[in-house]
Amino acid sequence: MHKRSVTLKGHRTSIALEDEFWAALKDFAATDKRSLASLISDIDRRRLKQSPPPGLASALRVFVLKRVAGDT
């Protein structure tokens, strides 16, 4: 488990994820030619549209699983 800080909508927040999820997110950001912060920001925007919204760490894990499965 590794904790990192990111800025979302002007506010710093810490996210704890397993190293494998961080590595996957970095790979996806690189593949998409964007920053990790930009990718996380987009995932955060999508999660906030859900009712009720899941936690950010959970949303990031689900995103990784869906992308690996080819669902996103």
PDB file of N, CA and C in Angstrom:
ATOM      1  N   MET A   1       0.865  -1.175   0.000  1.00  0.00           N
ATOM      2  CA  MET A   1       0.000   0.000   0.000  1.00  0.00           C
ATOM      3  C   MET A   1       0.904   1.228   0.000  1.00  0.00           C
ATOM      4  N   HIS A   2       0.572   2.153  -0.869  1.00  0.00           N
ATOM      5  CA  HIS A   2       1.375   3.365  -1.022  1.00  0.00           C
ATOM      6  C   HIS A   2       0.420   4.556  -1.071  1.00  0.00           C
ATOM      7  N   LYS A   3       0.707   5.566  -0.268  1.00  0.00           N
ATOM      8  CA  LYS A   3      -0.140   6.757  -0.229  1.00  0.00           C
ATOM      9  C   LYS A   3       0.515   7.870  -1.039  1.00  0.00           C
ATOM     10  N   ARG A   4      -0.282   8.522  -1.877  1.00  0.00           N
ATOM     11  CA  ARG A   4       0.186   9.657  -2.676  1.00  0.00           C
ATOM     12  C   ARG A   4      -0.804  10.803  -2.528  1.00  0.00           C
ATOM     13  N   SER A   5      -0.294  12.011  -2.706  1.00  0.00           N
ATOM     14  CA  SER A   5      -1.140  13.197  -2.675  1.00  0.00           C
ATOM     15  C   SER A   5      -1.348  13.704  -4.092  1.00  0.00           C
ATOM     16  N   VAL A   6      -2.579  14.080  -4.391  1.00  0.00           N
ATOM     17  CA  VAL A   6      -2.913  14.672  -5.685  1.00  0.00           C
ATOM     18  C   VAL A   6      -3.778  15.901  -5.435  1.00  0.00           C
ATOM     19  N   THR A   7      -3.798  16.799  -6.393  1.00  0.00           N
ATOM     20  CA  THR A   7      -4.642  17.987  -6.305  1.00  0.00           C
ATOM     21  C   THR A   7      -5.848  17.786  -7.208  1.00  0.00           C
ATOM     22  N   LEU A   8      -7.034  17.859  -6.615  1.00  0.00           N
ATOM     23  CA  LEU A   8      -8.292  17.733  -7.351  1.00  0.00           C
ATOM     24  C   LEU A   8      -9.129  18.970  -7.081  1.00  0.00           C
ATOM     25  N   LYS A   9      -9.468  19.681  -8.126  1.00  0.00           N
ATOM     26  CA  LYS A   9     -10.256  20.913  -8.006  1.00  0.00           C
ATOM     27  C   LYS A   9      -9.633  21.884  -7.003  1.00  0.00           C
ATOM     28  N   GLY A  10      -8.312  21.995  -7.044  1.00  0.00           N
ATOM     29  CA  GLY A  10      -7.610  22.946  -6.192  1.00  0.00           C
ATOM     30  C   GLY A  10      -7.355  22.492  -4.774  1.00  0.00           C
ATOM     31  N   HIS A  11      -7.730  21.275  -4.426  1.00  0.00           N
ATOM     32  CA  HIS A  11      -7.538  20.767  -3.066  1.00  0.00           C
ATOM     33  C   HIS A  11      -6.644  19.538  -3.091  1.00  0.00           C
ATOM     34  N   ARG A  12      -5.693  19.484  -2.154  1.00  0.00           N
ATOM     35  CA  ARG A  12      -4.824  18.312  -2.038  1.00  0.00           C
ATOM     36  C   ARG A  12      -5.583  17.211  -1.305  1.00  0.00           C
ATOM     37  N   THR A  13      -5.457  16.013  -1.813  1.00  0.00           N
ATOM     38  CA  THR A  13      -6.056  14.853  -1.165  1.00  0.00           C
ATOM     39  C   THR A  13      -5.074  13.695  -1.251  1.00  0.00           C
ATOM     40  N   SER A  14      -5.103  12.839  -0.253  1.00  0.00           N
ATOM     41  CA  SER A  14      -4.227  11.668  -0.239  1.00  0.00           C
ATOM     42  C   SER A  14      -5.020  10.440  -0.632  1.00  0.00           C
ATOM     43  N   ILE A  15      -4.387   9.595  -1.421  1.00  0.00           N
ATOM     44  CA  ILE A  15      -5.020   8.360  -1.884  1.00  0.00           C
ATOM     45  C   ILE A  15      -4.071   7.216  -1.568  1.00  0.00           C
ATOM     46  N   ALA A  16      -4.591   6.178  -0.927  1.00  0.00           N
ATOM     47  CA  ALA A  16      -3.797   4.987  -0.628  1.00  0.00           C
ATOM     48  C   ALA A  16      -4.236   3.861  -1.554  1.00  0.00           C
ATOM     49  N   LEU A  17      -3.296   3.358  -2.343  1.00  0.00           N
ATOM     50  CA  LEU A  17      -3.549   2.243  -3.254  1.00  0.00           C
ATOM     51  C   LEU A  17      -2.366   1.284  -3.214  1.00  0.00           C
ATOM     52  N   GLU A  18      -2.625   0.061  -3.585  1.00  0.00           N
ATOM     53  CA  GLU A  18      -1.555  -0.910  -3.730  1.00  0.00           C
ATOM     54  C   GLU A  18      -0.656  -0.477  -4.891  1.00  0.00           C
ATOM     55  N   ASP A  19       0.630  -0.837  -4.793  1.00  0.00           N
ATOM     56  CA  ASP A  19       1.605  -0.431  -5.813  1.00  0.00           C
ATOM     57  C   ASP A  19       1.188  -0.859  -7.218  1.00  0.00           C
ATOM     58  N   GLU A  20       0.555  -2.017  -7.323  1.00  0.00           N
ATOM     59  CA  GLU A  20       0.131  -2.511  -8.636  1.00  0.00           C
ATOM     60  C   GLU A  20      -0.906  -1.592  -9.281  1.00  0.00           C
ATOM     61  N   PHE A  21      -1.797  -1.021  -8.480  1.00  0.00           N
ATOM     62  CA  PHE A  21      -2.794  -0.092  -9.024  1.00  0.00           C
ATOM     63  C   PHE A  21      -2.129   1.216  -9.448  1.00  0.00           C
ATOM     64  N   TRP A  22      -1.170   1.719  -8.641  1.00  0.00           N
ATOM     65  CA  TRP A  22      -0.450   2.932  -9.041  1.00  0.00           C
ATOM     66  C   TRP A  22       0.289   2.701 -10.355  1.00  0.00           C
ATOM     67  N   ALA A  23       0.926   1.544 -10.478  1.00  0.00           N
ATOM     68  CA  ALA A  23       1.670   1.241 -11.710  1.00  0.00           C
ATOM     69  C   ALA A  23       0.735   1.197 -12.913  1.00  0.00           C
ATOM     70  N   ALA A  24      -0.430   0.570 -12.744  1.00  0.00           N
ATOM     71  CA  ALA A  24      -1.391   0.490 -13.849  1.00  0.00           C
ATOM     72  C   ALA A  24      -1.887   1.881 -14.234  1.00  0.00           C
ATOM     73  N   LEU A  25      -2.204   2.708 -13.248  1.00  0.00           N
ATOM     74  CA  LEU A  25      -2.677   4.063 -13.544  1.00  0.00           C
ATOM     75  C   LEU A  25      -1.607   4.867 -14.286  1.00  0.00           C
ATOM     76  N   LYS A  26      -0.347   4.744 -13.853  1.00  0.00           N
ATOM     77  CA  LYS A  26       0.749   5.439 -14.548  1.00  0.00           C
ATOM     78  C   LYS A  26       0.871   4.951 -15.988  1.00  0.00           C
ATOM     79  N   ASP A  27       0.761   3.650 -16.183  1.00  0.00           N
ATOM     80  CA  ASP A  27       0.837   3.093 -17.542  1.00  0.00           C
ATOM     81  C   ASP A  27      -0.296   3.611 -18.420  1.00  0.00           C
ATOM     82  N   PHE A  28      -1.512   3.645 -17.878  1.00  0.00           N
ATOM     83  CA  PHE A  28      -2.659   4.132 -18.650  1.00  0.00           C
ATOM     84  C   PHE A  28      -2.476   5.603 -19.004  1.00  0.00           C
ATOM     85  N   ALA A  29      -1.996   6.399 -18.049  1.00  0.00           N
ATOM     86  CA  ALA A  29      -1.770   7.820 -18.316  1.00  0.00           C
ATOM     87  C   ALA A  29      -0.734   7.986 -19.433  1.00  0.00           C
ATOM     88  N   ALA A  30       0.338   7.221 -19.370  1.00  0.00           N
ATOM     89  CA  ALA A  30       1.379   7.305 -20.403  1.00  0.00           C
ATOM     90  C   ALA A  30       0.835   6.873 -21.761  1.00  0.00           C
ATOM     91  N   THR A  31       0.064   5.797 -21.779  1.00  0.00           N
ATOM     92  CA  THR A  31      -0.537   5.317 -23.029  1.00  0.00           C
ATOM     93  C   THR A  31      -1.443   6.381 -23.635  1.00  0.00           C
ATOM     94  N   ASP A  32      -2.181   7.089 -22.768  1.00  0.00           N
ATOM     95  CA  ASP A  32      -3.111   8.129 -23.212  1.00  0.00           C
ATOM     96  C   ASP A  32      -2.422   9.473 -23.443  1.00  0.00           C
ATOM     97  N   LYS A  33      -1.099   9.521 -23.215  1.00  0.00           N
ATOM     98  CA  LYS A  33      -0.307  10.749 -23.378  1.00  0.00           C
ATOM     99  C   LYS A  33      -0.869  11.897 -22.535  1.00  0.00           C
ATOM    100  N   ARG A  34      -1.056  11.600 -21.259  1.00  0.00           N
ATOM    101  CA  ARG A  34      -1.560  12.610 -20.324  1.00  0.00           C
ATOM    102  C   ARG A  34      -0.909  12.388 -18.973  1.00  0.00           C
ATOM    103  N   SER A  35      -1.080  13.335 -18.098  1.00  0.00           N
ATOM    104  CA  SER A  35      -0.494  13.195 -16.767  1.00  0.00           C
ATOM    105  C   SER A  35      -1.353  12.275 -15.900  1.00  0.00           C
ATOM    106  N   LEU A  36      -0.726  11.726 -14.884  1.00  0.00           N
ATOM    107  CA  LEU A  36      -1.456  10.901 -13.925  1.00  0.00           C
ATOM    108  C   LEU A  36      -2.529  11.738 -13.235  1.00  0.00           C
ATOM    109  N   ALA A  37      -2.205  12.984 -12.900  1.00  0.00           N
ATOM    110  CA  ALA A  37      -3.172  13.865 -12.244  1.00  0.00           C
ATOM    111  C   ALA A  37      -4.398  14.100 -13.123  1.00  0.00           C
ATOM    112  N   SER A  38      -4.189  14.262 -14.416  1.00  0.00           N
ATOM    113  CA  SER A  38      -5.303  14.468 -15.342  1.00  0.00           C
ATOM    114  C   SER A  38      -6.204  13.236 -15.400  1.00  0.00           C
ATOM    115  N   LEU A  39      -5.598  12.059 -15.452  1.00  0.00           N
ATOM    116  CA  LEU A  39      -6.378  10.820 -15.471  1.00  0.00           C
ATOM    117  C   LEU A  39      -7.193  10.677 -14.191  1.00  0.00           C
ATOM    118  N   ILE A  40      -6.559  10.904 -13.046  1.00  0.00           N
ATOM    119  CA  ILE A  40      -7.261  10.783 -11.766  1.00  0.00           C
ATOM    120  C   ILE A  40      -8.384  11.808 -11.678  1.00  0.00           C
ATOM    121  N   SER A  41      -8.151  13.006 -12.172  1.00  0.00           N
ATOM    122  CA  SER A  41      -9.184  14.044 -12.162  1.00  0.00           C
ATOM    123  C   SER A  41     -10.409  13.621 -12.967  1.00  0.00           C
ATOM    124  N   ASP A  42     -10.191  13.017 -14.130  1.00  0.00           N
ATOM    125  CA  ASP A  42     -11.318  12.531 -14.941  1.00  0.00           C
ATOM    126  C   ASP A  42     -12.083  11.417 -14.233  1.00  0.00           C
ATOM    127  N   ILE A  43     -11.361  10.497 -13.615  1.00  0.00           N
ATOM    128  CA  ILE A  43     -12.012   9.411 -12.876  1.00  0.00           C
ATOM    129  C   ILE A  43     -12.812   9.993 -11.714  1.00  0.00           C
ATOM    130  N   ASP A  44     -12.258  10.995 -11.041  1.00  0.00           N
ATOM    131  CA  ASP A  44     -12.950  11.646  -9.923  1.00  0.00           C
ATOM    132  C   ASP A  44     -14.242  12.306 -10.399  1.00  0.00           C
ATOM    133  N   ARG A  45     -14.197  12.999 -11.538  1.00  0.00           N
ATOM    134  CA  ARG A  45     -15.408  13.647 -12.073  1.00  0.00           C
ATOM    135  C   ARG A  45     -16.496  12.615 -12.359  1.00  0.00           C
ATOM    136  N   ARG A  46     -16.090  11.483 -12.942  1.00  0.00           N
ATOM    137  CA  ARG A  46     -17.072  10.431 -13.258  1.00  0.00           C
ATOM    138  C   ARG A  46     -17.665   9.814 -11.998  1.00  0.00           C
ATOM    139  N   ARG A  47     -16.835   9.609 -10.985  1.00  0.00           N
ATOM    140  CA  ARG A  47     -17.340   8.966  -9.764  1.00  0.00           C
ATOM    141  C   ARG A  47     -18.338   9.867  -9.045  1.00  0.00           C
ATOM    142  N   LEU A  48     -18.135  11.184  -9.123  1.00  0.00           N
ATOM    143  CA  LEU A  48     -19.032  12.110  -8.434  1.00  0.00           C
ATOM    144  C   LEU A  48     -20.412  12.178  -9.079  1.00  0.00           C
ATOM    145  N   LYS A  49     -20.551  11.661 -10.291  1.00  0.00           N
ATOM    146  CA  LYS A  49     -21.856  11.618 -10.959  1.00  0.00           C
ATOM    147  C   LYS A  49     -22.686  10.429 -10.494  1.00  0.00           C
ATOM    148  N   GLN A  50     -22.064   9.492  -9.780  1.00  0.00           N
ATOM    149  CA  GLN A  50     -22.775   8.312  -9.293  1.00  0.00           C
ATOM    150  C   GLN A  50     -23.521   8.659  -8.010  1.00  0.00           C
ATOM    151  N   SER A  51     -24.566   7.916  -7.736  1.00  0.00           N
ATOM    152  CA  SER A  51     -25.344   8.170  -6.529  1.00  0.00           C
ATOM    153  C   SER A  51     -25.537   6.871  -5.757  1.00  0.00           C
ATOM    154  N   PRO A  52     -24.986   6.771  -4.588  1.00  0.00           N
ATOM    155  CA  PRO A  52     -24.009   7.681  -3.978  1.00  0.00           C
ATOM    156  C   PRO A  52     -22.632   7.453  -4.594  1.00  0.00           C
ATOM    157  N   PRO A  53     -21.799   8.492  -4.577  1.00  0.00           N
ATOM    158  CA  PRO A  53     -20.473   8.322  -5.172  1.00  0.00           C
ATOM    159  C   PRO A  53     -19.598   7.404  -4.318  1.00  0.00           C
ATOM    160  N   PRO A  54     -18.851   6.517  -4.964  1.00  0.00           N
ATOM    161  CA  PRO A  54     -17.923   5.668  -4.207  1.00  0.00           C
ATOM    162  C   PRO A  54     -16.725   6.490  -3.744  1.00  0.00           C
ATOM    163  N   GLY A  55     -15.935   5.937  -2.867  1.00  0.00           N
ATOM    164  CA  GLY A  55     -14.694   6.586  -2.472  1.00  0.00           C
ATOM    165  C   GLY A  55     -13.750   6.657  -3.663  1.00  0.00           C
ATOM    166  N   LEU A  56     -12.837   7.612  -3.625  1.00  0.00           N
ATOM    167  CA  LEU A  56     -11.928   7.802  -4.754  1.00  0.00           C
ATOM    168  C   LEU A  56     -11.024   6.591  -4.960  1.00  0.00           C
ATOM    169  N   ALA A  57     -10.473   6.039  -3.899  1.00  0.00           N
ATOM    170  CA  ALA A  57      -9.598   4.867  -4.047  1.00  0.00           C
ATOM    171  C   ALA A  57     -10.355   3.710  -4.686  1.00  0.00           C
ATOM    172  N   SER A  58     -11.591   3.500  -4.268  1.00  0.00           N
ATOM    173  CA  SER A  58     -12.408   2.433  -4.866  1.00  0.00           C
ATOM    174  C   SER A  58     -12.663   2.709  -6.339  1.00  0.00           C
ATOM    175  N   ALA A  59     -12.971   3.960  -6.671  1.00  0.00           N
ATOM    176  CA  ALA A  59     -13.226   4.321  -8.069  1.00  0.00           C
ATOM    177  C   ALA A  59     -11.984   4.088  -8.927  1.00  0.00           C
ATOM    178  N   LEU A  60     -10.813   4.381  -8.382  1.00  0.00           N
ATOM    179  CA  LEU A  60      -9.573   4.162  -9.128  1.00  0.00           C
ATOM    180  C   LEU A  60      -9.331   2.669  -9.355  1.00  0.00           C
ATOM    181  N   ARG A  61      -9.572   1.867  -8.332  1.00  0.00           N
ATOM    182  CA  ARG A  61      -9.386   0.417  -8.480  1.00  0.00           C
ATOM    183  C   ARG A  61     -10.346  -0.150  -9.524  1.00  0.00           C
ATOM    184  N   VAL A  62     -11.605   0.264  -9.466  1.00  0.00           N
ATOM    185  CA  VAL A  62     -12.599  -0.222 -10.431  1.00  0.00           C
ATOM    186  C   VAL A  62     -12.216   0.214 -11.842  1.00  0.00           C
ATOM    187  N   PHE A  63     -11.752   1.448 -11.999  1.00  0.00           N
ATOM    188  CA  PHE A  63     -11.312   1.923 -13.309  1.00  0.00           C
ATOM    189  C   PHE A  63     -10.213   1.016 -13.864  1.00  0.00           C
ATOM    190  N   VAL A  64      -9.219   0.711 -13.032  1.00  0.00           N
ATOM    191  CA  VAL A  64      -8.115  -0.152 -13.479  1.00  0.00           C
ATOM    192  C   VAL A  64      -8.649  -1.511 -13.900  1.00  0.00           C
ATOM    193  N   LEU A  65      -9.497  -2.113 -13.072  1.00  0.00           N
ATOM    194  CA  LEU A  65     -10.035  -3.436 -13.396  1.00  0.00           C
ATOM    195  C   LEU A  65     -10.831  -3.415 -14.700  1.00  0.00           C
ATOM    196  N   LYS A  66     -11.656  -2.385 -14.878  1.00  0.00           N
ATOM    197  CA  LYS A  66     -12.453  -2.288 -16.108  1.00  0.00           C
ATOM    198  C   LYS A  66     -11.561  -2.054 -17.329  1.00  0.00           C
ATOM    199  N   ARG A  67     -10.556  -1.230 -17.175  1.00  0.00           N
ATOM    200  CA  ARG A  67      -9.677  -0.947 -18.320  1.00  0.00           C
ATOM    201  C   ARG A  67      -8.888  -2.198 -18.707  1.00  0.00           C
ATOM    202  N   VAL A  68      -8.416  -2.932 -17.729  1.00  0.00           N
ATOM    203  CA  VAL A  68      -7.696  -4.177 -18.018  1.00  0.00           C
ATOM    204  C   VAL A  68      -8.622  -5.166 -18.725  1.00  0.00           C
ATOM    205  N   ALA A  69      -9.904  -5.167 -18.316  1.00  0.00           N
ATOM    206  CA  ALA A  69     -10.884  -6.068 -18.932  1.00  0.00           C
ATOM    207  C   ALA A  69     -11.377  -5.552 -20.283  1.00  0.00           C
ATOM    208  N   GLY A  70     -10.994  -4.316 -20.635  1.00  0.00           N
ATOM    209  CA  GLY A  70     -11.407  -3.750 -21.917  1.00  0.00           C
ATOM    210  C   GLY A  70     -12.758  -3.076 -21.888  1.00  0.00           C
ATOM    211  N   ASP A  71     -13.240  -2.724 -20.689  1.00  0.00           N
ATOM    212  CA  ASP A  71     -14.568  -2.113 -20.558  1.00  0.00           C
ATOM    213  C   ASP A  71     -14.559  -0.592 -20.610  1.00  0.00           C
ATOM    214  N   THR A  72     -13.385   0.056 -20.664  1.00  0.00           N
ATOM    215  CA  THR A  72     -13.364   1.523 -20.722  1.00  0.00           C
ATOM    216  C   THR A  72     -12.544   1.990 -21.889  1.00  0.00           C
TER     217      THR A  72
END
